[in-house]
Amino acid sequence: MSDDILSIIYTFSKKFSDPETNINFDPKNQNISAVVNEGNVTITLLVKGQTQDLYINIARLLKKNVEQISGVFSVNVIINSDIDRNKKTNTDDKKFKIDARNIIAIASGKGGVGKSTFSVNLATALHSLNLKIGLLDADIYGPSIPRMMGISKKPIMNENKKLIPLENYGLKLMSIGFILDSEAPTIWRGPMVMKALEQMFNGVEWGKLDYLIIDLPPGTGDAQLTLAQSSKLSGSIVISTPQDVAITDARKGINMFKKVNVGILGIVENMSYFMCDNCNQKHYIFSKDGVKKEAEKFNIPFLGEIPIDTNLRIQSDKGVPSLIDNPDGEISKKFISIAKNLNKSLS
């Protein structure tokens, strides 16, 4: 359904041409991106600040047309003048700012593929390399970092009226789960979500970091686009399980990052296989090599396989990362290997 809506959106948009370049707003035009998430549409037009007024009528007409599409519940058209297309990297005009040498977004096209588990263990593995690490839980609707990191205190505010991140296992941590009732539903509309994300960036005394790892919400909605466009991301890592239904959604995440010019540092196959205790054989429950083939198709690095592991599940529930609970275990070695290769590629 989302792909059908996206196709119709570009049918409308390609009727308009960019006032600056006179190029139609078709899917090949890098100055337009459209994301559909459960009937909620976000369209972003990237423009130069001094010409923003030229796009207002286009945005109005686009919104009016897209609202008529069957299955569309809401439409948000963003005219983004904060991004200069000639400054794709190393830009200093991002709205979300933090003193981190590298900022890495951990993403997935859908929920339930182990993105938060990967984020926690990657952050811990990077810390084991004597690096200063922050871990930001940006999953506003389903924060799980507090549970996985075994900490649930409330952060306090310093004299500069900034929140001091909580710390455990040597990592600096921030999550909406530290602030809200852990069992209360987060019923927020888009602007509230954006404000909360900005607060967890600019309103937190992160200090100087080597890496900030961001555990993104699943999917490709407003929160993901805001973080990709408003923060100085070094790149992203996409997590997927091997079956086709998960890879299809992961592909949407990859395409979203490409649209906003965020590099893909790699893709990880989680729940890759199960090692049977009785027969000592690998069982590929969710298919085999699906993510690896997808990496080859998109020509992006394949960072490795993480198996289904009972101990990893127990460690996550207990709030103890694998490298803390069993630093010499096979799972820990896999995360250390990924962390070393990642750090080497970004050094």
C-alpha atoms as a PDB file:
ATOM      1  CA  MET A   1       0.000   0.000   0.000  1.00  0.00           C
ATOM      2  CA  SER A   2       2.757   2.490   0.946  1.00  0.00           C
ATOM      3  CA  ASP A   3       4.587   1.844  -2.330  1.00  0.00           C
ATOM      4  CA  ASP A   4       1.354   2.449  -4.290  1.00  0.00           C
ATOM      5  CA  ILE A   5       0.785   5.752  -2.465  1.00  0.00           C
ATOM      6  CA  LEU A   6       4.391   6.771  -3.079  1.00  0.00           C
ATOM      7  CA  SER A   7       4.007   6.107  -6.795  1.00  0.00           C
ATOM      8  CA  ILE A   8       0.878   8.288  -6.954  1.00  0.00           C
ATOM      9  CA  ILE A   9       2.623  11.072  -5.001  1.00  0.00           C
ATOM     10  CA  TYR A  10       5.398  11.240  -7.594  1.00  0.00           C
ATOM     11  CA  THR A  11       2.774  11.199 -10.346  1.00  0.00           C
ATOM     12  CA  PHE A  12       1.528  14.474  -8.871  1.00  0.00           C
ATOM     13  CA  SER A  13       4.912  15.954  -7.993  1.00  0.00           C
ATOM     14  CA  LYS A  14       6.510  15.448 -11.418  1.00  0.00           C
ATOM     15  CA  LYS A  15       3.946  17.862 -12.858  1.00  0.00           C
ATOM     16  CA  PHE A  16       5.796  20.643 -11.020  1.00  0.00           C
ATOM     17  CA  SER A  17       9.246  21.913 -11.831  1.00  0.00           C
ATOM     18  CA  ASP A  18      11.834  23.316  -9.434  1.00  0.00           C
ATOM     19  CA  PRO A  19      11.770  27.151  -9.760  1.00  0.00           C
ATOM     20  CA  GLU A  20      15.560  27.243  -9.351  1.00  0.00           C
ATOM     21  CA  THR A  21      16.642  24.452 -11.688  1.00  0.00           C
ATOM     22  CA  ASN A  22      13.521  24.000 -13.857  1.00  0.00           C
ATOM     23  CA  ILE A  23      13.860  20.230 -13.286  1.00  0.00           C
ATOM     24  CA  ASN A  24      10.668  18.290 -12.613  1.00  0.00           C
ATOM     25  CA  PHE A  25      10.071  16.955  -9.095  1.00  0.00           C
ATOM     26  CA  ASP A  26      10.210  13.319 -10.157  1.00  0.00           C
ATOM     27  CA  PRO A  27      11.779  10.454  -8.145  1.00  0.00           C
ATOM     28  CA  LYS A  28      15.197  11.152  -9.695  1.00  0.00           C
ATOM     29  CA  ASN A  29      15.227  14.742  -8.412  1.00  0.00           C
ATOM     30  CA  GLN A  30      17.358  14.821  -5.253  1.00  0.00           C
ATOM     31  CA  ASN A  31      15.573  17.991  -4.078  1.00  0.00           C
ATOM     32  CA  ILE A  32      12.385  16.130  -3.216  1.00  0.00           C
ATOM     33  CA  SER A  33      11.859  13.196  -0.886  1.00  0.00           C
ATOM     34  CA  ALA A  34       8.600  11.529   0.080  1.00  0.00           C
ATOM     35  CA  VAL A  35       8.069   9.056   2.912  1.00  0.00           C
ATOM     36  CA  VAL A  36       4.865   7.136   3.647  1.00  0.00           C
ATOM     37  CA  ASN A  37       4.420   5.603   7.094  1.00  0.00           C
ATOM     38  CA  GLU A  38       1.082   3.896   7.784  1.00  0.00           C
ATOM     39  CA  GLY A  39      -0.847   6.452   5.742  1.00  0.00           C
ATOM     40  CA  ASN A  40       1.050   9.459   7.093  1.00  0.00           C
ATOM     41  CA  VAL A  41       2.939  11.274   4.336  1.00  0.00           C
ATOM     42  CA  THR A  42       5.952  13.555   4.746  1.00  0.00           C
ATOM     43  CA  ILE A  43       7.234  15.372   1.648  1.00  0.00           C
ATOM     44  CA  THR A  44      10.427  17.399   1.895  1.00  0.00           C
ATOM     45  CA  LEU A  45      11.509  20.023  -0.641  1.00  0.00           C
ATOM     46  CA  LEU A  46      15.138  21.075  -0.289  1.00  0.00           C
ATOM     47  CA  VAL A  47      15.644  24.704  -1.288  1.00  0.00           C
ATOM     48  CA  LYS A  48      18.005  27.638  -0.864  1.00  0.00           C
ATOM     49  CA  GLY A  49      16.973  29.986   1.926  1.00  0.00           C
ATOM     50  CA  GLN A  50      16.611  33.104  -0.220  1.00  0.00           C
ATOM     51  CA  THR A  51      14.228  31.379  -2.669  1.00  0.00           C
ATOM     52  CA  GLN A  52      11.966  29.668  -0.156  1.00  0.00           C
ATOM     53  CA  ASP A  53       8.912  31.789  -1.073  1.00  0.00           C
ATOM     54  CA  LEU A  54       8.964  30.440  -4.620  1.00  0.00           C
ATOM     55  CA  TYR A  55       8.088  26.977  -3.327  1.00  0.00           C
ATOM     56  CA  ILE A  56       5.141  27.830  -1.075  1.00  0.00           C
ATOM     57  CA  ASN A  57       2.509  27.514  -3.811  1.00  0.00           C
ATOM     58  CA  ILE A  58       4.008  24.208  -4.997  1.00  0.00           C
ATOM     59  CA  ALA A  59       3.881  22.883  -1.429  1.00  0.00           C
ATOM     60  CA  ARG A  60       0.242  23.968  -1.055  1.00  0.00           C
ATOM     61  CA  LEU A  61      -0.834  22.298  -4.305  1.00  0.00           C
ATOM     62  CA  LEU A  62       1.127  19.133  -3.521  1.00  0.00           C
ATOM     63  CA  LYS A  63      -0.516  18.861  -0.123  1.00  0.00           C
ATOM     64  CA  LYS A  64      -3.984  19.427  -1.595  1.00  0.00           C
ATOM     65  CA  ASN A  65      -3.478  16.699  -4.240  1.00  0.00           C
ATOM     66  CA  VAL A  66      -1.872  14.126  -1.976  1.00  0.00           C
ATOM     67  CA  GLU A  67      -4.622  14.502   0.638  1.00  0.00           C
ATOM     68  CA  GLN A  68      -7.065  13.130  -1.951  1.00  0.00           C
ATOM     69  CA  ILE A  69      -5.196   9.816  -2.327  1.00  0.00           C
ATOM     70  CA  SER A  70      -7.037   6.822  -0.908  1.00  0.00           C
ATOM     71  CA  GLY A  71      -5.322   5.518   2.208  1.00  0.00           C
ATOM     72  CA  VAL A  72      -3.631   8.812   3.093  1.00  0.00           C
ATOM     73  CA  PHE A  73      -4.484  10.067   6.592  1.00  0.00           C
ATOM     74  CA  SER A  74      -2.220  13.089   6.932  1.00  0.00           C
ATOM     75  CA  VAL A  75       0.147  15.101   4.738  1.00  0.00           C
ATOM     76  CA  ASN A  76       3.064  17.233   5.902  1.00  0.00           C
ATOM     77  CA  VAL A  77       5.049  19.181   3.288  1.00  0.00           C
ATOM     78  CA  ILE A  78       8.337  20.570   4.590  1.00  0.00           C
ATOM     79  CA  ILE A  79      10.202  23.331   2.769  1.00  0.00           C
ATOM     80  CA  ASN A  80      13.686  22.788   4.146  1.00  0.00           C
ATOM     81  CA  SER A  81      16.058  25.694   3.646  1.00  0.00           C
ATOM     82  CA  ASP A  82      18.600  24.502   6.223  1.00  0.00           C
ATOM     83  CA  ILE A  83      20.486  22.203   3.871  1.00  0.00           C
ATOM     84  CA  ASP A  84      22.830  23.525   1.183  1.00  0.00           C
ATOM     85  CA  ARG A  85      23.183  20.867  -1.466  1.00  0.00           C
ATOM     86  CA  ASN A  86      26.760  22.033  -2.085  1.00  0.00           C
ATOM     87  CA  LYS A  87      27.630  21.228   1.539  1.00  0.00           C
ATOM     88  CA  LYS A  88      26.559  17.648   1.858  1.00  0.00           C
ATOM     89  CA  THR A  89      29.164  16.892   4.478  1.00  0.00           C
ATOM     90  CA  ASN A  90      30.913  18.738   7.274  1.00  0.00           C
ATOM     91  CA  THR A  91      28.130  21.347   7.400  1.00  0.00           C
ATOM     92  CA  ASP A  92      27.934  23.584  10.456  1.00  0.00           C
ATOM     93  CA  ASP A  93      24.340  24.806  10.049  1.00  0.00           C
ATOM     94  CA  LYS A  94      22.576  21.786  11.515  1.00  0.00           C
ATOM     95  CA  LYS A  95      19.862  22.518  14.070  1.00  0.00           C
ATOM     96  CA  PHE A  96      20.830  19.638  16.369  1.00  0.00           C
ATOM     97  CA  LYS A  97      24.410  20.131  17.516  1.00  0.00           C
ATOM     98  CA  ILE A  98      26.634  18.048  19.763  1.00  0.00           C
ATOM     99  CA  ASP A  99      30.384  17.799  20.339  1.00  0.00           C
ATOM    100  CA  ALA A 100      30.862  14.285  18.953  1.00  0.00           C
ATOM    101  CA  ARG A 101      33.524  13.171  16.508  1.00  0.00           C
ATOM    102  CA  ASN A 102      31.042  10.748  14.939  1.00  0.00           C
ATOM    103  CA  ILE A 103      27.252  10.442  15.143  1.00  0.00           C
ATOM    104  CA  ILE A 104      25.830   7.145  13.935  1.00  0.00           C
ATOM    105  CA  ALA A 105      22.138   6.361  13.456  1.00  0.00           C
ATOM    106  CA  ILE A 106      21.030   2.750  13.970  1.00  0.00           C
ATOM    107  CA  ALA A 107      17.922   2.201  11.863  1.00  0.00           C
ATOM    108  CA  SER A 108      15.477  -0.460  10.748  1.00  0.00           C
ATOM    109  CA  GLY A 109      12.626  -0.453   8.299  1.00  0.00           C
ATOM    110  CA  LYS A 110      10.352  -2.185  10.806  1.00  0.00           C
ATOM    111  CA  GLY A 111      10.181  -3.026  14.491  1.00  0.00           C
ATOM    112  CA  GLY A 112      11.144  -6.285  16.136  1.00  0.00           C
ATOM    113  CA  VAL A 113      14.416  -6.911  14.286  1.00  0.00           C
ATOM    114  CA  GLY A 114      16.746  -6.255  17.245  1.00  0.00           C
ATOM    115  CA  LYS A 115      17.801  -2.676  16.488  1.00  0.00           C
ATOM    116  CA  SER A 116      17.966  -1.592  20.150  1.00  0.00           C
ATOM    117  CA  THR A 117      19.859  -4.725  21.170  1.00  0.00           C
ATOM    118  CA  PHE A 118      22.381  -3.985  18.448  1.00  0.00           C
ATOM    119  CA  SER A 119      22.661  -0.328  19.514  1.00  0.00           C
ATOM    120  CA  VAL A 120      23.377  -1.232  23.139  1.00  0.00           C
ATOM    121  CA  ASN A 121      26.001  -3.818  22.312  1.00  0.00           C
ATOM    122  CA  LEU A 122      27.694  -1.741  19.594  1.00  0.00           C
ATOM    123  CA  ALA A 123      27.967   1.207  21.997  1.00  0.00           C
ATOM    124  CA  THR A 124      29.450  -1.066  24.672  1.00  0.00           C
ATOM    125  CA  ALA A 125      31.886  -2.569  22.172  1.00  0.00           C
ATOM    126  CA  LEU A 126      33.052   0.876  21.073  1.00  0.00           C
ATOM    127  CA  HIS A 127      33.543   1.872  24.719  1.00  0.00           C
ATOM    128  CA  SER A 128      35.749  -1.194  25.201  1.00  0.00           C
ATOM    129  CA  LEU A 129      38.103   0.377  22.625  1.00  0.00           C
ATOM    130  CA  ASN A 130      38.771   3.216  25.127  1.00  0.00           C
ATOM    131  CA  LEU A 131      36.398   5.578  23.356  1.00  0.00           C
ATOM    132  CA  LYS A 132      33.960   8.062  24.906  1.00  0.00           C
ATOM    133  CA  ILE A 133      30.473   6.928  23.942  1.00  0.00           C
ATOM    134  CA  GLY A 134      26.987   8.397  24.242  1.00  0.00           C
ATOM    135  CA  LEU A 135      23.833   6.380  23.534  1.00  0.00           C
ATOM    136  CA  LEU A 136      20.669   8.286  22.626  1.00  0.00           C
ATOM    137  CA  ASP A 137      17.365   6.425  22.635  1.00  0.00           C
ATOM    138  CA  ALA A 138      15.383   8.336  19.996  1.00  0.00           C
ATOM    139  CA  ASP A 139      12.553   5.793  19.919  1.00  0.00           C
ATOM    140  CA  ILE A 140       9.991   8.156  21.438  1.00  0.00           C
ATOM    141  CA  TYR A 141       7.095   5.704  21.288  1.00  0.00           C
ATOM    142  CA  GLY A 142       8.860   2.569  22.501  1.00  0.00           C
ATOM    143  CA  PRO A 143      12.043   3.409  24.428  1.00  0.00           C
ATOM    144  CA  SER A 144      13.861   0.244  25.486  1.00  0.00           C
ATOM    145  CA  ILE A 145      17.373   1.498  26.283  1.00  0.00           C
ATOM    146  CA  PRO A 146      16.575   2.077  29.997  1.00  0.00           C
ATOM    147  CA  ARG A 147      15.643  -1.597  30.405  1.00  0.00           C
ATOM    148  CA  MET A 148      18.507  -2.916  28.274  1.00  0.00           C
ATOM    149  CA  MET A 149      21.074  -0.762  30.075  1.00  0.00           C
ATOM    150  CA  GLY A 150      19.718  -1.623  33.519  1.00  0.00           C
ATOM    151  CA  ILE A 151      19.037   1.947  34.644  1.00  0.00           C
ATOM    152  CA  SER A 152      15.804   3.827  35.335  1.00  0.00           C
ATOM    153  CA  LYS A 153      16.671   6.939  37.365  1.00  0.00           C
ATOM    154  CA  LYS A 154      15.481  10.418  36.493  1.00  0.00           C
ATOM    155  CA  PRO A 155      18.102  12.758  34.980  1.00  0.00           C
ATOM    156  CA  ILE A 156      18.791  16.019  36.817  1.00  0.00           C
ATOM    157  CA  MET A 157      19.367  19.499  35.402  1.00  0.00           C
ATOM    158  CA  ASN A 158      22.620  21.418  35.806  1.00  0.00           C
ATOM    159  CA  GLU A 159      23.173  25.139  36.325  1.00  0.00           C
ATOM    160  CA  ASN A 160      22.996  25.690  32.547  1.00  0.00           C
ATOM    161  CA  LYS A 161      19.500  24.192  32.559  1.00  0.00           C
ATOM    162  CA  LYS A 162      20.659  21.165  30.616  1.00  0.00           C
ATOM    163  CA  LEU A 163      19.923  17.557  31.527  1.00  0.00           C
ATOM    164  CA  ILE A 164      22.885  15.527  32.742  1.00  0.00           C
ATOM    165  CA  PRO A 165      22.886  12.148  30.959  1.00  0.00           C
ATOM    166  CA  LEU A 166      22.689   9.069  33.138  1.00  0.00           C
ATOM    167  CA  GLU A 167      25.674   6.726  33.062  1.00  0.00           C
ATOM    168  CA  ASN A 168      26.080   2.984  33.241  1.00  0.00           C
ATOM    169  CA  TYR A 169      28.828   0.643  32.062  1.00  0.00           C
ATOM    170  CA  GLY A 170      30.862   3.723  31.092  1.00  0.00           C
ATOM    171  CA  LEU A 171      28.270   5.024  28.615  1.00  0.00           C
ATOM    172  CA  LYS A 172      26.400   8.333  28.729  1.00  0.00           C
ATOM    173  CA  LEU A 173      22.693   7.645  28.223  1.00  0.00           C
ATOM    174  CA  MET A 174      19.579   9.622  27.419  1.00  0.00           C
ATOM    175  CA  SER A 175      16.079   8.361  26.699  1.00  0.00           C
ATOM    176  CA  ILE A 176      12.535   9.661  26.924  1.00  0.00           C
ATOM    177  CA  GLY A 177      12.037   6.525  29.025  1.00  0.00           C
ATOM    178  CA  PHE A 178      14.065   8.166  31.817  1.00  0.00           C
ATOM    179  CA  ILE A 179      11.598  11.039  31.939  1.00  0.00           C
ATOM    180  CA  LEU A 180       8.167   9.493  31.365  1.00  0.00           C
ATOM    181  CA  ASP A 181       6.353   6.738  33.238  1.00  0.00           C
ATOM    182  CA  SER A 182       7.698   3.476  31.791  1.00  0.00           C
ATOM    183  CA  GLU A 183       4.184   2.017  31.422  1.00  0.00           C
ATOM    184  CA  ALA A 184       2.435   5.156  30.159  1.00  0.00           C
ATOM    185  CA  PRO A 185       1.758   5.339  26.394  1.00  0.00           C
ATOM    186  CA  THR A 186       3.445   8.181  24.516  1.00  0.00           C
ATOM    187  CA  ILE A 187       0.566   9.791  22.622  1.00  0.00           C
ATOM    188  CA  TRP A 188       2.272  12.669  20.829  1.00  0.00           C
ATOM    189  CA  ARG A 189       1.755  14.353  17.500  1.00  0.00           C
ATOM    190  CA  GLY A 190       4.611  15.244  15.134  1.00  0.00           C
ATOM    191  CA  PRO A 191       5.603  18.678  16.533  1.00  0.00           C
ATOM    192  CA  MET A 192       5.831  17.296  20.080  1.00  0.00           C
ATOM    193  CA  VAL A 193       8.059  14.463  18.874  1.00  0.00           C
ATOM    194  CA  MET A 194      10.349  16.898  17.052  1.00  0.00           C
ATOM    195  CA  LYS A 195      10.620  19.104  20.133  1.00  0.00           C
ATOM    196  CA  ALA A 196      11.472  16.106  22.325  1.00  0.00           C
ATOM    197  CA  LEU A 197      14.201  14.977  19.916  1.00  0.00           C
ATOM    198  CA  GLU A 198      15.704  18.467  19.830  1.00  0.00           C
ATOM    199  CA  GLN A 199      15.664  18.570  23.635  1.00  0.00           C
ATOM    200  CA  MET A 200      17.562  15.267  23.860  1.00  0.00           C
ATOM    201  CA  PHE A 201      20.244  16.721  21.580  1.00  0.00           C
ATOM    202  CA  ASN A 202      20.606  20.375  22.457  1.00  0.00           C
ATOM    203  CA  GLY A 203      19.155  20.178  25.955  1.00  0.00           C
ATOM    204  CA  VAL A 204      21.555  17.515  27.249  1.00  0.00           C
ATOM    205  CA  GLU A 205      25.063  18.130  28.597  1.00  0.00           C
ATOM    206  CA  TRP A 206      26.706  15.395  26.545  1.00  0.00           C
ATOM    207  CA  GLY A 207      30.235  16.770  26.818  1.00  0.00           C
ATOM    208  CA  LYS A 208      32.874  15.715  24.312  1.00  0.00           C
ATOM    209  CA  LEU A 209      32.278  12.300  22.733  1.00  0.00           C
ATOM    210  CA  ASP A 210      34.062  10.081  20.258  1.00  0.00           C
ATOM    211  CA  TYR A 211      30.729   8.539  19.208  1.00  0.00           C
ATOM    212  CA  LEU A 212      27.067   9.241  19.746  1.00  0.00           C
ATOM    213  CA  ILE A 213      25.007   6.180  18.855  1.00  0.00           C
ATOM    214  CA  ILE A 214      21.364   7.001  18.082  1.00  0.00           C
ATOM    215  CA  ASP A 215      18.797   4.229  18.393  1.00  0.00           C
ATOM    216  CA  LEU A 216      16.204   5.463  15.880  1.00  0.00           C
ATOM    217  CA  PRO A 217      12.519   4.534  15.922  1.00  0.00           C
ATOM    218  CA  PRO A 218      11.628   1.812  13.416  1.00  0.00           C
ATOM    219  CA  GLY A 219      10.349   2.927  10.032  1.00  0.00           C
ATOM    220  CA  THR A 220      10.883   6.022   7.876  1.00  0.00           C
ATOM    221  CA  GLY A 221       8.684   8.720   9.393  1.00  0.00           C
ATOM    222  CA  ASP A 222       9.043  12.284  10.701  1.00  0.00           C
ATOM    223  CA  ALA A 223      11.415  11.396  13.546  1.00  0.00           C
ATOM    224  CA  GLN A 224      13.870   9.634  11.252  1.00  0.00           C
ATOM    225  CA  LEU A 225      13.789  12.420   8.660  1.00  0.00           C
ATOM    226  CA  THR A 226      14.229  15.123  11.302  1.00  0.00           C
ATOM    227  CA  LEU A 227      17.274  13.446  12.826  1.00  0.00           C
ATOM    228  CA  ALA A 228      18.791  12.708   9.413  1.00  0.00           C
ATOM    229  CA  GLN A 229      18.355  16.275   8.201  1.00  0.00           C
ATOM    230  CA  SER A 230      18.924  18.224  11.424  1.00  0.00           C
ATOM    231  CA  SER A 231      21.946  16.466  12.930  1.00  0.00           C
ATOM    232  CA  LYS A 232      25.443  16.051  11.577  1.00  0.00           C
ATOM    233  CA  LEU A 233      25.286  12.299  10.999  1.00  0.00           C
ATOM    234  CA  SER A 234      28.503  10.498  10.082  1.00  0.00           C
ATOM    235  CA  GLY A 235      26.380   7.720   8.648  1.00  0.00           C
ATOM    236  CA  SER A 236      23.814   5.054   9.396  1.00  0.00           C
ATOM    237  CA  ILE A 237      23.680   1.330  10.035  1.00  0.00           C
ATOM    238  CA  VAL A 238      20.591  -0.586   8.943  1.00  0.00           C
ATOM    239  CA  ILE A 239      19.458  -3.681  10.868  1.00  0.00           C
ATOM    240  CA  SER A 240      17.331  -6.390   9.296  1.00  0.00           C
ATOM    241  CA  THR A 241      16.422 -10.019   9.710  1.00  0.00           C
ATOM    242  CA  PRO A 242      16.941 -12.289   6.667  1.00  0.00           C
ATOM    243  CA  GLN A 243      13.343 -12.859   5.502  1.00  0.00           C
ATOM    244  CA  ASP A 244      11.913 -10.996   2.522  1.00  0.00           C
ATOM    245  CA  VAL A 245       9.251  -9.073   4.469  1.00  0.00           C
ATOM    246  CA  ALA A 246      11.922  -7.491   6.715  1.00  0.00           C
ATOM    247  CA  ILE A 247      14.350  -6.828   3.861  1.00  0.00           C
ATOM    248  CA  THR A 248      11.638  -5.021   1.895  1.00  0.00           C
ATOM    249  CA  ASP A 249      11.225  -2.581   4.797  1.00  0.00           C
ATOM    250  CA  ALA A 250      14.988  -2.289   5.309  1.00  0.00           C
ATOM    251  CA  ARG A 251      15.266  -1.280   1.654  1.00  0.00           C
ATOM    252  CA  LYS A 252      12.964   1.676   2.366  1.00  0.00           C
ATOM    253  CA  GLY A 253      15.290   2.777   5.154  1.00  0.00           C
ATOM    254  CA  ILE A 254      18.295   2.565   2.851  1.00  0.00           C
ATOM    255  CA  ASN A 255      16.527   4.636   0.200  1.00  0.00           C
ATOM    256  CA  MET A 256      15.456   7.219   2.786  1.00  0.00           C
ATOM    257  CA  PHE A 257      19.061   7.806   3.882  1.00  0.00           C
ATOM    258  CA  LYS A 258      20.152   8.068   0.265  1.00  0.00           C
ATOM    259  CA  LYS A 259      17.491  10.688  -0.372  1.00  0.00           C
ATOM    260  CA  VAL A 260      18.794  12.883   2.460  1.00  0.00           C
ATOM    261  CA  ASN A 261      22.448  12.243   1.600  1.00  0.00           C
ATOM    262  CA  VAL A 262      23.336  10.236   4.702  1.00  0.00           C
ATOM    263  CA  GLY A 263      25.895   7.537   3.970  1.00  0.00           C
ATOM    264  CA  ILE A 264      25.139   3.891   4.771  1.00  0.00           C
ATOM    265  CA  LEU A 265      28.034   2.572   6.843  1.00  0.00           C
ATOM    266  CA  GLY A 266      26.704  -0.950   6.540  1.00  0.00           C
ATOM    267  CA  ILE A 267      23.857  -3.384   7.017  1.00  0.00           C
ATOM    268  CA  VAL A 268      23.643  -6.113   9.662  1.00  0.00           C
ATOM    269  CA  GLU A 269      21.780  -9.403   9.512  1.00  0.00           C
ATOM    270  CA  ASN A 270      20.270  -9.981  12.952  1.00  0.00           C
ATOM    271  CA  MET A 271      18.640 -13.245  14.065  1.00  0.00           C
ATOM    272  CA  SER A 272      20.639 -14.747  11.236  1.00  0.00           C
ATOM    273  CA  TYR A 273      20.521 -18.333  12.467  1.00  0.00           C
ATOM    274  CA  PHE A 274      19.976 -20.466  15.548  1.00  0.00           C
ATOM    275  CA  MET A 275      22.702 -22.760  16.860  1.00  0.00           C
ATOM    276  CA  CYS A 276      21.066 -25.919  18.177  1.00  0.00           C
ATOM    277  CA  ASP A 277      22.419 -27.145  21.536  1.00  0.00           C
ATOM    278  CA  ASN A 278      21.698 -30.770  20.685  1.00  0.00           C
ATOM    279  CA  CYS A 279      22.984 -31.136  17.127  1.00  0.00           C
ATOM    280  CA  ASN A 280      25.433 -28.201  17.138  1.00  0.00           C
ATOM    281  CA  GLN A 281      24.188 -27.180  13.695  1.00  0.00           C
ATOM    282  CA  LYS A 282      23.092 -23.792  12.376  1.00  0.00           C
ATOM    283  CA  HIS A 283      19.380 -23.551  11.649  1.00  0.00           C
ATOM    284  CA  TYR A 284      18.394 -20.686   9.338  1.00  0.00           C
ATOM    285  CA  ILE A 285      14.894 -20.051  10.676  1.00  0.00           C
ATOM    286  CA  PHE A 286      14.296 -16.776   8.794  1.00  0.00           C
ATOM    287  CA  SER A 287      15.941 -17.757   5.495  1.00  0.00           C
ATOM    288  CA  LYS A 288      19.647 -17.534   4.649  1.00  0.00           C
ATOM    289  CA  ASP A 289      21.917 -14.769   3.327  1.00  0.00           C
ATOM    290  CA  GLY A 290      19.036 -12.426   2.523  1.00  0.00           C
ATOM    291  CA  VAL A 291      20.679  -9.353   4.026  1.00  0.00           C
ATOM    292  CA  LYS A 292      24.080 -10.179   2.557  1.00  0.00           C
ATOM    293  CA  LYS A 293      22.563 -10.350  -0.922  1.00  0.00           C
ATOM    294  CA  GLU A 294      20.810  -7.033  -0.322  1.00  0.00           C
ATOM    295  CA  ALA A 295      24.117  -5.443   0.685  1.00  0.00           C
ATOM    296  CA  GLU A 296      25.686  -6.654  -2.546  1.00  0.00           C
ATOM    297  CA  LYS A 297      22.720  -5.324  -4.531  1.00  0.00           C
ATOM    298  CA  PHE A 298      23.056  -1.822  -3.011  1.00  0.00           C
ATOM    299  CA  ASN A 299      26.861  -1.983  -2.956  1.00  0.00           C
ATOM    300  CA  ILE A 300      27.024  -1.205   0.768  1.00  0.00           C
ATOM    301  CA  PRO A 301      29.177  -2.967   3.404  1.00  0.00           C
ATOM    302  CA  PHE A 302      27.817  -6.136   4.995  1.00  0.00           C
ATOM    303  CA  LEU A 303      28.842  -5.847   8.650  1.00  0.00           C
ATOM    304  CA  GLY A 304      28.065  -9.393   9.714  1.00  0.00           C
ATOM    305  CA  GLU A 305      25.601 -11.903  11.135  1.00  0.00           C
ATOM    306  CA  ILE A 306      24.221 -11.889  14.682  1.00  0.00           C
ATOM    307  CA  PRO A 307      22.568 -15.224  15.588  1.00  0.00           C
ATOM    308  CA  ILE A 308      19.479 -15.860  17.676  1.00  0.00           C
ATOM    309  CA  ASP A 309      20.973 -16.407  21.090  1.00  0.00           C
ATOM    310  CA  THR A 310      19.185 -17.216  24.342  1.00  0.00           C
ATOM    311  CA  ASN A 311      21.862 -15.577  26.473  1.00  0.00           C
ATOM    312  CA  LEU A 312      21.631 -12.358  24.462  1.00  0.00           C
ATOM    313  CA  ARG A 313      17.901 -12.230  25.145  1.00  0.00           C
ATOM    314  CA  ILE A 314      18.445 -12.879  28.858  1.00  0.00           C
ATOM    315  CA  GLN A 315      21.177 -10.230  29.023  1.00  0.00           C
ATOM    316  CA  SER A 316      18.899  -7.652  27.384  1.00  0.00           C
ATOM    317  CA  ASP A 317      16.062  -8.419  29.799  1.00  0.00           C
ATOM    318  CA  LYS A 318      18.441  -8.194  32.760  1.00  0.00           C
ATOM    319  CA  GLY A 319      19.889  -4.909  31.572  1.00  0.00           C
ATOM    320  CA  VAL A 320      23.444  -6.206  31.150  1.00  0.00           C
ATOM    321  CA  PRO A 321      25.091  -5.876  27.698  1.00  0.00           C
ATOM    322  CA  SER A 322      26.737  -9.000  26.324  1.00  0.00           C
ATOM    323  CA  LEU A 323      30.251  -7.558  26.604  1.00  0.00           C
ATOM    324  CA  ILE A 324      29.707  -6.863  30.306  1.00  0.00           C
ATOM    325  CA  ASP A 325      28.094 -10.204  31.119  1.00  0.00           C
ATOM    326  CA  ASN A 326      30.291 -12.436  28.952  1.00  0.00           C
ATOM    327  CA  PRO A 327      33.170 -10.488  27.354  1.00  0.00           C
ATOM    328  CA  ASP A 328      34.792 -13.637  25.937  1.00  0.00           C
ATOM    329  CA  GLY A 329      31.601 -15.049  24.409  1.00  0.00           C
ATOM    330  CA  GLU A 330      31.015 -15.462  20.673  1.00  0.00           C
ATOM    331  CA  ILE A 331      28.387 -12.718  20.576  1.00  0.00           C
ATOM    332  CA  SER A 332      30.750 -10.283  22.284  1.00  0.00           C
ATOM    333  CA  LYS A 333      33.481 -11.119  19.783  1.00  0.00           C
ATOM    334  CA  LYS A 334      31.125 -10.354  16.899  1.00  0.00           C
ATOM    335  CA  PHE A 335      30.299  -6.919  18.297  1.00  0.00           C
ATOM    336  CA  ILE A 336      33.956  -6.166  19.027  1.00  0.00           C
ATOM    337  CA  SER A 337      34.816  -7.054  15.424  1.00  0.00           C
ATOM    338  CA  ILE A 338      32.064  -4.767  14.072  1.00  0.00           C
ATOM    339  CA  ALA A 339      33.152  -1.937  16.396  1.00  0.00           C
ATOM    340  CA  LYS A 340      36.811  -2.215  15.376  1.00  0.00           C
ATOM    341  CA  ASN A 341      36.006  -2.224  11.666  1.00  0.00           C
ATOM    342  CA  LEU A 342      33.595   0.691  12.082  1.00  0.00           C
ATOM    343  CA  ASN A 343      36.096   2.762  14.077  1.00  0.00           C
ATOM    344  CA  LYS A 344      38.808   2.030  11.521  1.00  0.00           C
ATOM    345  CA  SER A 345      36.601   3.126   8.610  1.00  0.00           C
ATOM    346  CA  LEU A 346      35.709   6.413  10.358  1.00  0.00           C
ATOM    347  CA  SER A 347      39.172   7.284  11.669  1.00  0.00           C
END
